[in-house]
Structure formats: structure tokens, C-alpha cells
């Protein structure tokens, strides 16, 4: 309990972490209350095509007369969903595999380490492109593919944490008391070693959102959802004379990525206060 209290105080004392938290809460409110905030439905078409920003349409309209502001607000739902699901899946796989690898050791650890190194050396984005192109542009597939290809970094972090924690006194006592390896891993090691993975996963949320936007920009996103990347892709042909149709979704994409970068930085400073002091010197 004391650790959690100190952790929260250190996080809130980080200006980047606090800024990221405020930005995230603002974005979460926008996503949750999108139908209330947006003045129009994101799919409503009108005759007022490529209209510049005005009181009626704060962010203007696109080539089909759809309100850009309403589409940006609804697009936050898709982006946050992709980010959290993909990063959550990556964290879950990485934590379990990393903990097993670090605790069991031996040949199993060597094999897992080779797999992790292979994933880290391979250009993951091109792998995602191939898989999405083959299996389809469904949003669920996109989230699964991103999560299933970004877990190695979390596994490496968790493996290092496990190798350190398994030598601690409380783990040795649990082993001496006859607790099974499974219980030790999931009761003692993972709860005490997962915090750096959480910090890394916060940054992965921004990366997942950027990946989905890139896929949508390339025409490989889910055509049935409102996505910032898809909005940018649709506006490419009109950007020279309808800048608003591409600038606003681009700005919100950048803000979202920066938000989770700030949160990840704040988590790292809260976890490693000594490292934070060195940075500030």
C-alpha cells in the first residue's frame, strides 16, 4: 500500500506524467461522450462539401459533406480502442512468456530469447502489412496483429525482472514452503515485476494508434469504422485546397501519441526516481 502511495506521488510530481494524465482524461471524455459532443453523426452526408471551418462546421467538411469535427471526435473511440486492446494483448503475452522464460531458464529460456531477438530484428510493420493484406481489413484483426507482433519487448523486460526477483528472499521462502512454480510466478513474481512492463505498454498504446493510422492511410484499415488514418487517406486528394480535412485528424493523431509518450515517461520516472534525478542534473 505504501509503495502504491509513493508511486502515485512520484508520478504526479512528474510534469510530463501529469500533463499526459490530463490529456488522456480529456481524450477519454471526448471518446466516451462522442455522441453528445459531436454535433452531427460521423456518416451524415450533406451538399456542403469541402466547406472551410465555420460556426456550423468548426473543423469544416470533407469531400462528401461530412462534418470533420464529428468524425474526429468519433475517431477517438477507434484510436483508443485499438491502442488499449493491442497494447493490453502485447503486455499480457509479454508478461507471461517473459516470466516463464526467466523463471524456468535453461533451454526453454534460450529458445524464447532467440524468438524474441528474431521478432526485434524483423521489421514488424511490414509483417503487419502482409498479415492484414492476407487476412482482411477487419478492426479486430488489426488489433490482434499489432498485439501479437509487439510483445517481445515486454517479454524481454519481464524476463529481466523475473531473473532478478526469483533470487529474492520471499521467493526462496515460498519455494522452501513447497509452493508450486506456477503459484510462485503468478502470485509473487508477476505482481512485483510487471510495473516496468506497464510503463512500456503505455508507450506502446501510442505506437499501436500510430500503426492503425498508418494502415488506414495506406488503405488497409477497416472501411466500416471512422478512423483518423482513414480520414487522412480520404483527404489526400484535396489537401492542396481543403487543408482542414487532413490537418485536424493529423493533429489529433499526434496529440494522442504524445499523450501516451508523456504517460510512459511519467511512469518511468515514478518507477526509477534515481534515474529521474540523474536526468534533471
Foldseek 3Di string as FASTA:
>chain_A
DVLVVLLVVLLCVQPLQVVLVVLVVVLVVLQVCLVVPAPDAQPDFDPQALAPADPVQNLGAHRRRGRLVSLLSNQSNLLLVLLCLLLVLLLVVLLVQLLCLLVVDDPSVVVLVVVLVVLVVDPLLVVLVVQLVVPHQDSVSLSPSSNVSNNSVSSNQNNVQNNVQCPDPVNVVCVVVPDDPVCCSVPPRSVVRSLLSVLVSLLSSLVSSVSQLVCLLVVSHDPVGRHLSVQLNSCPVPCVPSVSSNVVSVVVSVSNSSSSVSSSVSSVCSVCVVVVVVVVD
